[in-house]
């Protein structure tokens, strides 16, 4: 990871939740939200263009789901670590997300500090690279 803030792309199809994450995470001095998008295809293109350190990925997305998007992101942007956020992932879904390359899978109702800690850990974990 380069010096400076952790560059984050937020992928969330719910506009209100995406904007809230963008605002709350962007207020942290060590995080920089470089983009916030609503779908998996858009996430892959955005990451290819912006080279973020971490992608905060929703599980349920229109078209391409979080597992497919994570797999494509890891293939096209291997430098970006993926942290998944989901309203309610089953054990099987969480395992599929990790198998696709996610380094963490959190519930959307997790405390903000827990989400921030997962982003920080993902940005500094060599295995995520």
N, C-alpha and C. Protein backbone atom coordinates (compact mmCIF):
# COMPACT_ATOMS: atom_id res chain seq x y z
N UNK A 1 0.83 -1.18 0.00
CA UNK A 1 0.00 0.00 0.00
C UNK A 1 0.88 1.25 0.00
N UNK A 2 0.50 2.22 -0.80
CA UNK A 2 1.24 3.47 -0.88
C UNK A 2 1.01 4.31 0.37
N UNK A 3 1.93 5.25 0.61
CA UNK A 3 1.75 6.16 1.73
C UNK A 3 0.51 7.01 1.49
N UNK A 4 -0.07 7.49 2.56
CA UNK A 4 -1.28 8.31 2.42
C UNK A 4 -2.50 7.52 2.81
N UNK A 5 -3.67 8.13 2.61
CA UNK A 5 -4.90 7.46 3.02
C UNK A 5 -5.17 6.18 2.22
N UNK A 6 -5.94 5.29 2.81
CA UNK A 6 -6.37 4.06 2.14
C UNK A 6 -7.45 4.44 1.13
N UNK A 7 -7.20 4.11 -0.12
CA UNK A 7 -8.14 4.44 -1.20
C UNK A 7 -9.21 3.35 -1.29
N UNK A 8 -10.48 3.76 -1.13
CA UNK A 8 -11.60 2.83 -1.03
C UNK A 8 -12.64 3.10 -2.11
N UNK A 9 -13.13 2.01 -2.71
CA UNK A 9 -14.30 2.08 -3.59
C UNK A 9 -15.44 1.39 -2.85
N UNK A 10 -16.57 2.06 -2.74
CA UNK A 10 -17.77 1.51 -2.10
C UNK A 10 -18.70 1.00 -3.20
N UNK A 11 -19.12 -0.27 -3.09
CA UNK A 11 -20.04 -0.88 -4.04
C UNK A 11 -21.30 -1.28 -3.28
N UNK A 12 -22.38 -0.55 -3.53
CA UNK A 12 -23.64 -0.75 -2.79
C UNK A 12 -24.78 -0.27 -3.68
N UNK A 13 -25.80 -1.12 -3.89
CA UNK A 13 -26.89 -0.73 -4.78
C UNK A 13 -27.96 0.14 -4.10
N UNK A 14 -28.00 0.17 -2.77
CA UNK A 14 -28.95 1.01 -2.06
C UNK A 14 -28.36 2.41 -1.96
N UNK A 15 -28.97 3.37 -2.66
CA UNK A 15 -28.42 4.73 -2.72
C UNK A 15 -28.22 5.36 -1.35
N UNK A 16 -29.19 5.23 -0.47
CA UNK A 16 -29.12 5.85 0.85
C UNK A 16 -27.98 5.24 1.67
N UNK A 17 -27.89 3.92 1.67
CA UNK A 17 -26.83 3.25 2.43
C UNK A 17 -25.45 3.57 1.83
N UNK A 18 -25.36 3.59 0.50
CA UNK A 18 -24.10 3.92 -0.18
C UNK A 18 -23.64 5.32 0.20
N UNK A 19 -24.57 6.28 0.16
CA UNK A 19 -24.21 7.66 0.50
C UNK A 19 -23.82 7.79 1.96
N UNK A 20 -24.49 7.05 2.84
CA UNK A 20 -24.15 7.08 4.26
C UNK A 20 -22.74 6.52 4.48
N UNK A 21 -22.45 5.39 3.84
CA UNK A 21 -21.10 4.81 3.96
C UNK A 21 -20.05 5.79 3.44
N UNK A 22 -20.33 6.39 2.31
CA UNK A 22 -19.40 7.33 1.69
C UNK A 22 -19.11 8.49 2.66
N UNK A 23 -20.15 9.00 3.28
CA UNK A 23 -20.01 10.12 4.22
C UNK A 23 -19.26 9.71 5.48
N UNK A 24 -19.69 8.60 6.10
CA UNK A 24 -19.11 8.17 7.37
C UNK A 24 -17.66 7.70 7.21
N UNK A 25 -17.40 6.92 6.16
CA UNK A 25 -16.03 6.44 5.95
C UNK A 25 -15.13 7.58 5.48
N UNK A 26 -15.66 8.46 4.65
CA UNK A 26 -14.88 9.58 4.14
C UNK A 26 -14.48 10.57 5.22
N UNK A 27 -15.17 10.54 6.36
CA UNK A 27 -14.83 11.43 7.47
C UNK A 27 -13.60 10.94 8.24
N UNK A 28 -13.20 9.69 8.01
CA UNK A 28 -12.01 9.14 8.67
C UNK A 28 -10.77 9.68 7.96
N UNK A 29 -9.81 10.24 8.70
CA UNK A 29 -8.66 10.86 8.05
C UNK A 29 -7.76 9.89 7.28
N UNK A 30 -7.79 8.60 7.64
CA UNK A 30 -6.92 7.65 6.95
C UNK A 30 -7.62 6.92 5.81
N UNK A 31 -8.88 7.29 5.52
CA UNK A 31 -9.61 6.68 4.41
C UNK A 31 -9.99 7.73 3.39
N UNK A 32 -9.87 7.37 2.13
CA UNK A 32 -10.29 8.26 1.04
C UNK A 32 -11.24 7.47 0.14
N UNK A 33 -12.49 7.90 0.05
CA UNK A 33 -13.45 7.25 -0.83
C UNK A 33 -13.20 7.80 -2.23
N UNK A 34 -12.65 6.97 -3.11
CA UNK A 34 -12.32 7.42 -4.46
C UNK A 34 -13.48 7.25 -5.42
N UNK A 35 -14.45 6.38 -5.07
CA UNK A 35 -15.65 6.19 -5.88
C UNK A 35 -16.68 5.42 -5.08
N UNK A 36 -17.95 5.62 -5.43
CA UNK A 36 -19.05 4.86 -4.85
C UNK A 36 -19.98 4.51 -6.01
N UNK A 37 -20.17 3.22 -6.22
CA UNK A 37 -20.94 2.76 -7.38
C UNK A 37 -22.04 1.79 -6.94
N UNK A 38 -23.00 1.55 -7.83
CA UNK A 38 -24.16 0.76 -7.48
C UNK A 38 -24.20 -0.66 -7.99
N UNK A 39 -23.19 -1.10 -8.74
CA UNK A 39 -23.25 -2.45 -9.28
C UNK A 39 -21.89 -3.07 -9.52
N UNK A 40 -21.89 -4.39 -9.73
CA UNK A 40 -20.66 -5.14 -9.92
C UNK A 40 -19.89 -4.79 -11.18
N UNK A 41 -20.60 -4.67 -12.30
CA UNK A 41 -19.93 -4.32 -13.57
C UNK A 41 -19.24 -2.97 -13.43
N UNK A 42 -19.97 -2.02 -12.85
CA UNK A 42 -19.44 -0.67 -12.63
C UNK A 42 -18.23 -0.72 -11.69
N UNK A 43 -18.29 -1.59 -10.69
CA UNK A 43 -17.18 -1.72 -9.74
C UNK A 43 -15.91 -2.18 -10.43
N UNK A 44 -16.03 -3.18 -11.31
CA UNK A 44 -14.86 -3.70 -12.02
C UNK A 44 -14.24 -2.60 -12.88
N UNK A 45 -15.06 -1.89 -13.63
CA UNK A 45 -14.54 -0.80 -14.49
C UNK A 45 -13.92 0.31 -13.65
N UNK A 46 -14.55 0.65 -12.55
CA UNK A 46 -14.05 1.71 -11.68
C UNK A 46 -12.70 1.33 -11.07
N UNK A 47 -12.59 0.09 -10.62
CA UNK A 47 -11.33 -0.36 -10.02
C UNK A 47 -10.21 -0.42 -11.04
N UNK A 48 -10.56 -0.83 -12.24
CA UNK A 48 -9.57 -0.86 -13.31
C UNK A 48 -9.01 0.54 -13.56
N UNK A 49 -9.88 1.55 -13.46
CA UNK A 49 -9.47 2.93 -13.73
C UNK A 49 -8.79 3.61 -12.54
N UNK A 50 -9.23 3.31 -11.31
CA UNK A 50 -8.78 4.06 -10.14
C UNK A 50 -7.78 3.35 -9.24
N UNK A 51 -7.63 2.04 -9.38
CA UNK A 51 -6.66 1.26 -8.59
C UNK A 51 -6.77 1.51 -7.08
N UNK A 52 -7.93 1.20 -6.49
CA UNK A 52 -8.08 1.40 -5.04
C UNK A 52 -7.29 0.36 -4.26
N UNK A 53 -7.11 0.64 -2.97
CA UNK A 53 -6.47 -0.32 -2.07
C UNK A 53 -7.49 -1.37 -1.61
N UNK A 54 -8.73 -0.90 -1.35
CA UNK A 54 -9.78 -1.76 -0.81
C UNK A 54 -11.10 -1.47 -1.52
N UNK A 55 -11.86 -2.53 -1.77
CA UNK A 55 -13.21 -2.40 -2.30
C UNK A 55 -14.16 -2.93 -1.23
N UNK A 56 -15.09 -2.09 -0.81
CA UNK A 56 -16.12 -2.48 0.14
C UNK A 56 -17.32 -2.92 -0.70
N UNK A 57 -17.58 -4.22 -0.73
CA UNK A 57 -18.51 -4.83 -1.68
C UNK A 57 -19.79 -5.34 -1.03
N UNK A 58 -20.93 -4.90 -1.55
CA UNK A 58 -22.22 -5.46 -1.13
C UNK A 58 -22.34 -6.87 -1.70
N UNK A 59 -23.08 -7.73 -1.01
CA UNK A 59 -23.28 -9.09 -1.52
C UNK A 59 -24.38 -9.14 -2.57
N UNK A 60 -25.51 -8.54 -2.26
CA UNK A 60 -26.65 -8.59 -3.17
C UNK A 60 -26.64 -7.35 -4.05
N UNK A 61 -26.31 -7.57 -5.32
CA UNK A 61 -26.24 -6.50 -6.30
C UNK A 61 -27.08 -6.87 -7.51
N UNK A 62 -27.57 -5.88 -8.24
CA UNK A 62 -28.31 -6.20 -9.47
C UNK A 62 -27.36 -6.77 -10.53
N UNK A 63 -27.84 -7.72 -11.30
CA UNK A 63 -27.00 -8.31 -12.34
C UNK A 63 -25.97 -9.25 -11.75
N UNK A 64 -24.77 -8.79 -11.64
CA UNK A 64 -23.65 -9.57 -11.11
C UNK A 64 -23.68 -9.49 -9.58
N UNK A 65 -23.76 -10.63 -8.87
CA UNK A 65 -23.78 -10.58 -7.41
C UNK A 65 -22.38 -10.34 -6.84
N UNK A 66 -22.31 -10.23 -5.52
CA UNK A 66 -21.04 -9.92 -4.86
C UNK A 66 -19.97 -10.96 -5.08
N UNK A 67 -20.36 -12.24 -5.18
CA UNK A 67 -19.38 -13.31 -5.42
C UNK A 67 -18.79 -13.16 -6.82
N UNK A 68 -19.64 -12.96 -7.80
CA UNK A 68 -19.16 -12.80 -9.18
C UNK A 68 -18.31 -11.53 -9.31
N UNK A 69 -18.78 -10.45 -8.71
CA UNK A 69 -18.04 -9.18 -8.78
C UNK A 69 -16.68 -9.29 -8.08
N UNK A 70 -16.66 -9.96 -6.93
CA UNK A 70 -15.40 -10.15 -6.21
C UNK A 70 -14.42 -10.97 -7.03
N UNK A 71 -14.90 -12.03 -7.63
CA UNK A 71 -14.05 -12.88 -8.47
C UNK A 71 -13.48 -12.09 -9.65
N UNK A 72 -14.32 -11.32 -10.32
CA UNK A 72 -13.85 -10.50 -11.45
C UNK A 72 -12.87 -9.43 -11.00
N UNK A 73 -13.16 -8.81 -9.85
CA UNK A 73 -12.25 -7.78 -9.32
C UNK A 73 -10.88 -8.36 -9.01
N UNK A 74 -10.87 -9.51 -8.37
CA UNK A 74 -9.59 -10.12 -8.00
C UNK A 74 -8.80 -10.51 -9.24
N UNK A 75 -9.50 -10.88 -10.31
CA UNK A 75 -8.82 -11.25 -11.56
C UNK A 75 -8.30 -10.03 -12.31
N UNK A 76 -9.07 -8.95 -12.32
CA UNK A 76 -8.68 -7.78 -13.11
C UNK A 76 -7.93 -6.72 -12.31
N UNK A 77 -8.13 -6.70 -11.00
CA UNK A 77 -7.48 -5.70 -10.13
C UNK A 77 -6.93 -6.40 -8.89
N UNK A 78 -5.95 -7.28 -9.07
CA UNK A 78 -5.47 -8.08 -7.93
C UNK A 78 -4.86 -7.26 -6.80
N UNK A 79 -4.52 -6.01 -7.06
CA UNK A 79 -3.94 -5.18 -6.01
C UNK A 79 -4.99 -4.69 -5.01
N UNK A 80 -6.27 -4.80 -5.36
CA UNK A 80 -7.35 -4.33 -4.49
C UNK A 80 -7.86 -5.48 -3.61
N UNK A 81 -7.87 -5.25 -2.31
CA UNK A 81 -8.45 -6.22 -1.39
C UNK A 81 -9.95 -5.98 -1.33
N UNK A 82 -10.72 -7.04 -1.16
CA UNK A 82 -12.19 -6.92 -1.12
C UNK A 82 -12.70 -7.28 0.27
N UNK A 83 -13.49 -6.35 0.83
CA UNK A 83 -14.20 -6.58 2.09
C UNK A 83 -15.67 -6.56 1.74
N UNK A 84 -16.39 -7.63 2.05
CA UNK A 84 -17.81 -7.71 1.71
C UNK A 84 -18.68 -7.28 2.88
N UNK A 85 -19.76 -6.59 2.53
CA UNK A 85 -20.79 -6.20 3.48
C UNK A 85 -22.09 -6.81 2.99
N UNK A 86 -22.85 -7.41 3.88
CA UNK A 86 -24.10 -8.01 3.48
C UNK A 86 -25.14 -7.87 4.58
N UNK A 87 -26.39 -7.80 4.16
CA UNK A 87 -27.48 -7.70 5.14
C UNK A 87 -27.59 -9.01 5.91
N UNK A 88 -27.46 -10.11 5.20
CA UNK A 88 -27.58 -11.42 5.86
C UNK A 88 -27.03 -12.50 4.95
N UNK A 89 -25.76 -12.79 5.09
CA UNK A 89 -25.16 -13.86 4.29
C UNK A 89 -25.20 -15.16 5.07
N UNK A 90 -25.58 -16.21 4.39
CA UNK A 90 -25.52 -17.52 5.02
C UNK A 90 -24.06 -17.95 5.12
N UNK A 91 -23.81 -19.01 5.84
CA UNK A 91 -22.45 -19.54 5.94
C UNK A 91 -21.94 -19.89 4.54
N UNK A 92 -22.79 -20.50 3.73
CA UNK A 92 -22.41 -20.88 2.37
C UNK A 92 -22.06 -19.65 1.53
N UNK A 93 -22.85 -18.57 1.66
CA UNK A 93 -22.57 -17.34 0.91
C UNK A 93 -21.25 -16.72 1.37
N UNK A 94 -21.02 -16.68 2.67
CA UNK A 94 -19.76 -16.13 3.20
C UNK A 94 -18.57 -16.95 2.71
N UNK A 95 -18.72 -18.27 2.68
CA UNK A 95 -17.65 -19.12 2.16
C UNK A 95 -17.41 -18.85 0.68
N UNK A 96 -18.48 -18.65 -0.08
CA UNK A 96 -18.35 -18.35 -1.52
C UNK A 96 -17.64 -17.02 -1.72
N UNK A 97 -17.94 -16.03 -0.88
CA UNK A 97 -17.28 -14.73 -0.98
C UNK A 97 -15.78 -14.87 -0.70
N UNK A 98 -15.43 -15.62 0.32
CA UNK A 98 -14.01 -15.83 0.63
C UNK A 98 -13.31 -16.62 -0.47
N UNK A 99 -14.00 -17.62 -1.00
CA UNK A 99 -13.41 -18.41 -2.10
C UNK A 99 -13.19 -17.54 -3.33
N UNK A 100 -14.04 -16.54 -3.52
CA UNK A 100 -13.89 -15.63 -4.66
C UNK A 100 -12.77 -14.62 -4.45
N UNK A 101 -12.29 -14.51 -3.20
CA UNK A 101 -11.17 -13.62 -2.93
C UNK A 101 -11.40 -12.54 -1.89
N UNK A 102 -12.57 -12.51 -1.27
CA UNK A 102 -12.82 -11.51 -0.22
C UNK A 102 -11.96 -11.86 1.00
N UNK A 103 -11.41 -10.84 1.65
CA UNK A 103 -10.59 -11.07 2.83
C UNK A 103 -11.41 -10.99 4.11
N UNK A 104 -12.63 -10.44 4.03
CA UNK A 104 -13.51 -10.35 5.19
C UNK A 104 -14.94 -10.24 4.70
N UNK A 105 -15.87 -10.66 5.55
CA UNK A 105 -17.29 -10.58 5.24
C UNK A 105 -18.01 -10.14 6.50
N UNK A 106 -18.59 -8.95 6.47
CA UNK A 106 -19.26 -8.37 7.63
C UNK A 106 -20.73 -8.14 7.34
N UNK A 107 -21.53 -8.13 8.40
CA UNK A 107 -22.94 -7.76 8.27
C UNK A 107 -23.05 -6.25 8.19
N UNK A 108 -24.07 -5.78 7.46
CA UNK A 108 -24.28 -4.33 7.33
C UNK A 108 -24.60 -3.67 8.65
N UNK A 109 -25.08 -4.44 9.63
CA UNK A 109 -25.38 -3.84 10.93
C UNK A 109 -24.18 -3.83 11.87
N UNK A 110 -23.00 -4.16 11.34
CA UNK A 110 -21.77 -4.09 12.15
C UNK A 110 -21.51 -2.64 12.55
N UNK A 111 -20.86 -2.47 13.67
CA UNK A 111 -20.47 -1.13 14.11
C UNK A 111 -19.54 -0.51 13.06
N UNK A 112 -19.63 0.79 12.89
CA UNK A 112 -18.77 1.49 11.92
C UNK A 112 -17.30 1.22 12.21
N UNK A 113 -16.92 1.21 13.48
CA UNK A 113 -15.51 0.95 13.84
C UNK A 113 -15.06 -0.43 13.38
N UNK A 114 -15.98 -1.41 13.39
CA UNK A 114 -15.65 -2.75 12.93
C UNK A 114 -15.41 -2.77 11.42
N UNK A 115 -16.24 -2.02 10.69
CA UNK A 115 -16.08 -1.92 9.23
C UNK A 115 -14.76 -1.22 8.91
N UNK A 116 -14.48 -0.13 9.61
CA UNK A 116 -13.23 0.61 9.40
C UNK A 116 -12.02 -0.29 9.71
N UNK A 117 -12.10 -1.04 10.80
CA UNK A 117 -11.00 -1.94 11.17
C UNK A 117 -10.78 -2.99 10.09
N UNK A 118 -11.85 -3.51 9.50
CA UNK A 118 -11.72 -4.51 8.43
C UNK A 118 -11.08 -3.90 7.19
N UNK A 119 -11.43 -2.67 6.88
CA UNK A 119 -10.83 -1.97 5.73
C UNK A 119 -9.34 -1.77 5.98
N UNK A 120 -9.00 -1.30 7.17
CA UNK A 120 -7.59 -1.08 7.52
C UNK A 120 -6.80 -2.38 7.46
N UNK A 121 -7.37 -3.45 8.01
CA UNK A 121 -6.68 -4.75 8.00
C UNK A 121 -6.50 -5.26 6.58
N UNK A 122 -7.53 -5.09 5.75
CA UNK A 122 -7.45 -5.54 4.36
C UNK A 122 -6.36 -4.78 3.59
N UNK A 123 -6.22 -3.51 3.89
CA UNK A 123 -5.24 -2.68 3.18
C UNK A 123 -3.81 -3.01 3.56
N UNK A 124 -3.64 -3.63 4.71
CA UNK A 124 -2.28 -3.90 5.18
C UNK A 124 -1.93 -5.39 5.21
N UNK A 125 -2.84 -6.23 4.74
CA UNK A 125 -2.60 -7.67 4.74
C UNK A 125 -1.93 -8.11 3.45
N UNK A 126 -0.67 -8.54 3.52
CA UNK A 126 0.01 -8.96 2.29
C UNK A 126 -0.70 -10.10 1.58
N UNK A 127 -1.37 -10.98 2.33
CA UNK A 127 -2.07 -12.11 1.70
C UNK A 127 -3.21 -11.65 0.83
N UNK A 128 -3.72 -10.43 1.08
CA UNK A 128 -4.83 -9.91 0.29
C UNK A 128 -4.36 -9.42 -1.06
N UNK A 129 -3.10 -9.27 -1.21
CA UNK A 129 -2.56 -8.71 -2.45
C UNK A 129 -2.37 -9.76 -3.52
